C-alpha atoms as a PDB file:
ATOM      1  CA  MET A   1       4.259 -38.606 -26.007  1.00  0.00           C
ATOM      2  CA  LYS A   2       0.996 -36.439 -24.842  1.00  0.00           C
ATOM      3  CA  SER A   3       1.436 -33.148 -23.872  1.00  0.00           C
ATOM      4  CA  PRO A   4       1.085 -31.708 -19.830  1.00  0.00           C
ATOM      5  CA  VAL A   5      -0.811 -28.928 -21.313  1.00  0.00           C
ATOM      6  CA  VAL A   6      -4.755 -29.664 -21.823  1.00  0.00           C
ATOM      7  CA  LYS A   7      -6.674 -27.361 -23.949  1.00  0.00           C
ATOM      8  CA  ARG A   8     -10.262 -26.384 -22.502  1.00  0.00           C
ATOM      9  CA  SER A   9     -13.275 -24.255 -23.722  1.00  0.00           C
ATOM     10  CA  ILE A  10     -14.669 -21.985 -21.052  1.00  0.00           C
ATOM     11  CA  VAL A  11     -17.355 -19.358 -21.147  1.00  0.00           C
ATOM     12  CA  VAL A  12     -15.657 -16.005 -19.873  1.00  0.00           C
ATOM     13  CA  ALA A  13     -18.054 -12.967 -19.335  1.00  0.00           C
ATOM     14  CA  GLY A  14     -20.050 -14.841 -21.863  1.00  0.00           C
ATOM     15  CA  HIS A  15     -18.004 -15.553 -24.838  1.00  0.00           C
ATOM     16  CA  LYS A  16     -16.630 -18.686 -25.323  1.00  0.00           C
ATOM     17  CA  THR A  17     -12.407 -19.294 -25.604  1.00  0.00           C
ATOM     18  CA  SER A  18     -10.154 -22.002 -24.973  1.00  0.00           C
ATOM     19  CA  VAL A  19      -7.882 -22.074 -22.456  1.00  0.00           C
ATOM     20  CA  SER A  20      -4.339 -24.019 -22.297  1.00  0.00           C
ATOM     21  CA  LEU A  21      -3.186 -24.803 -18.707  1.00  0.00           C
ATOM     22  CA  GLU A  22      -1.192 -28.004 -17.162  1.00  0.00           C
ATOM     23  CA  GLU A  23      -3.432 -30.001 -15.555  1.00  0.00           C
ATOM     24  CA  ALA A  24      -1.819 -28.798 -12.013  1.00  0.00           C
ATOM     25  CA  PHE A  25      -3.273 -25.725 -13.095  1.00  0.00           C
ATOM     26  CA  TRP A  26      -6.621 -26.938 -13.686  1.00  0.00           C
ATOM     27  CA  ASN A  27      -6.960 -28.461 -10.222  1.00  0.00           C
ATOM     28  CA  GLY A  28      -5.526 -26.000  -8.624  1.00  0.00           C
ATOM     29  CA  MET A  29      -8.316 -23.235 -10.455  1.00  0.00           C
ATOM     30  CA  LYS A  30     -11.016 -26.244  -9.309  1.00  0.00           C
ATOM     31  CA  GLU A  31      -9.828 -25.895  -5.707  1.00  0.00           C
ATOM     32  CA  ILE A  32     -10.004 -22.303  -5.820  1.00  0.00           C
ATOM     33  CA  ALA A  33     -13.163 -21.916  -7.132  1.00  0.00           C
ATOM     34  CA  ALA A  34     -14.979 -24.179  -4.612  1.00  0.00           C
ATOM     35  CA  VAL A  35     -13.030 -22.418  -2.054  1.00  0.00           C
ATOM     36  CA  ARG A  36     -14.623 -19.229  -3.099  1.00  0.00           C
ATOM     37  CA  ASN A  37     -17.932 -20.805  -4.006  1.00  0.00           C
ATOM     38  CA  LEU A  38     -17.611 -19.580  -7.950  1.00  0.00           C
ATOM     39  CA  THR A  39     -17.683 -21.849 -11.053  1.00  0.00           C
ATOM     40  CA  LEU A  40     -14.566 -21.663 -13.250  1.00  0.00           C
ATOM     41  CA  SER A  41     -15.877 -19.542 -15.562  1.00  0.00           C
ATOM     42  CA  GLU A  42     -16.916 -17.328 -12.725  1.00  0.00           C
ATOM     43  CA  LEU A  43     -13.188 -17.225 -11.428  1.00  0.00           C
ATOM     44  CA  VAL A  44     -11.379 -17.154 -14.908  1.00  0.00           C
ATOM     45  CA  GLY A  45     -13.772 -14.060 -15.564  1.00  0.00           C
ATOM     46  CA  GLU A  46     -12.634 -12.242 -12.641  1.00  0.00           C
ATOM     47  CA  ILE A  47      -8.990 -12.904 -13.445  1.00  0.00           C
ATOM     48  CA  ASP A  48      -9.542 -11.717 -17.307  1.00  0.00           C
ATOM     49  CA  GLY A  49     -11.104  -8.844 -15.583  1.00  0.00           C
ATOM     50  CA  GLY A  50      -8.297  -7.762 -13.623  1.00  0.00           C
ATOM     51  CA  ARG A  51      -5.341  -8.708 -15.511  1.00  0.00           C
ATOM     52  CA  GLN A  52      -2.816  -5.987 -16.978  1.00  0.00           C
ATOM     53  CA  GLN A  53      -1.428  -7.660 -19.750  1.00  0.00           C
ATOM     54  CA  GLY A  54      -0.169 -10.805 -21.205  1.00  0.00           C
ATOM     55  CA  ASN A  55      -2.543 -13.901 -22.321  1.00  0.00           C
ATOM     56  CA  LEU A  56      -5.310 -15.252 -20.127  1.00  0.00           C
ATOM     57  CA  SER A  57      -3.356 -18.635 -19.916  1.00  0.00           C
ATOM     58  CA  SER A  58      -0.462 -16.615 -18.023  1.00  0.00           C
ATOM     59  CA  ALA A  59      -2.979 -14.784 -16.199  1.00  0.00           C
ATOM     60  CA  ILE A  60      -4.416 -17.594 -15.106  1.00  0.00           C
ATOM     61  CA  ARG A  61      -1.243 -19.345 -14.108  1.00  0.00           C
ATOM     62  CA  LEU A  62      -0.080 -16.219 -12.027  1.00  0.00           C
ATOM     63  CA  PHE A  63      -3.003 -15.898  -9.925  1.00  0.00           C
ATOM     64  CA  VAL A  64      -2.782 -19.639  -8.996  1.00  0.00           C
ATOM     65  CA  LEU A  65       0.575 -19.575  -8.406  1.00  0.00           C
ATOM     66  CA  ASP A  66       0.160 -16.348  -6.204  1.00  0.00           C
ATOM     67  CA  TYR A  67      -2.667 -18.054  -4.296  1.00  0.00           C
ATOM     68  CA  PHE A  68      -1.127 -20.725  -3.175  1.00  0.00           C
ATOM     69  CA  ARG A  69       1.781 -18.471  -2.581  1.00  0.00           C
ATOM     70  CA  SER A  70      -0.101 -16.529   0.337  1.00  0.00           C
ATOM     71  CA  ARG A  71      -1.088 -19.642   1.631  1.00  0.00           C
ATOM     72  CA  ALA A  72       2.370 -20.998   2.241  1.00  0.00           C
ATOM     73  CA  THR A  73       4.058 -17.940   3.518  1.00  0.00           C
ATOM     74  CA  PRO A  74       3.392 -17.046   7.294  1.00  0.00           C
ATOM     75  CA  THR A  75       0.713 -14.392   7.878  1.00  0.00           C
ATOM     76  CA  ALA A  76       1.596 -10.785   8.894  1.00  0.00           C
ATOM     77  CA  GLY A  77       2.519 -10.559  12.635  1.00  0.00           C
ATOM     78  CA  ASN A  78       3.505 -13.829  13.485  1.00  0.00           C
ATOM     79  CA  GLY A  79       6.872 -13.277  14.181  1.00  0.00           C
ATOM     80  CA  ALA A  80       8.380 -17.060  12.254  1.00  0.00           C
ATOM     81  CA  SER A  81       8.808 -17.969   9.188  1.00  0.00           C
ATOM     82  CA  ARG A  82       7.902 -21.335   8.126  1.00  0.00           C
ATOM     83  CA  LEU A  83      11.397 -22.128   8.155  1.00  0.00           C
ATOM     84  CA  GLN A  84      12.270 -20.591  11.640  1.00  0.00           C
ATOM     85  CA  ALA A  85       9.159 -22.936  12.960  1.00  0.00           C
ATOM     86  CA  GLU A  86      10.507 -25.780  11.411  1.00  0.00           C
ATOM     87  CA  GLY A  87      13.638 -25.442  13.575  1.00  0.00           C
ATOM     88  CA  PRO A  88      17.371 -26.380  11.961  1.00  0.00           C
ATOM     89  CA  HIS A  89      18.176 -28.294   9.433  1.00  0.00           C
ATOM     90  CA  PRO A  90      21.503 -30.692   9.812  1.00  0.00           C
END
């Protein structure tokens, strides 16, 4: 059975390292990097530089989760959550 975790080599701050992530997180990273006009290496470098603890793969997963979670929640001041905007469910 094929593992859902994909290991890739990437250069971070001039050093080659390998990162193991599920394909969904690699795809999320590519999307974020494209939106921000960064290479994957540049984005991973930012994440690496900002992490407080833990390993790089975990820091990347948390970054991707936070990025997409922040886009799924309503913006401050609009007064309605997504559930309120959708209306009541039977």
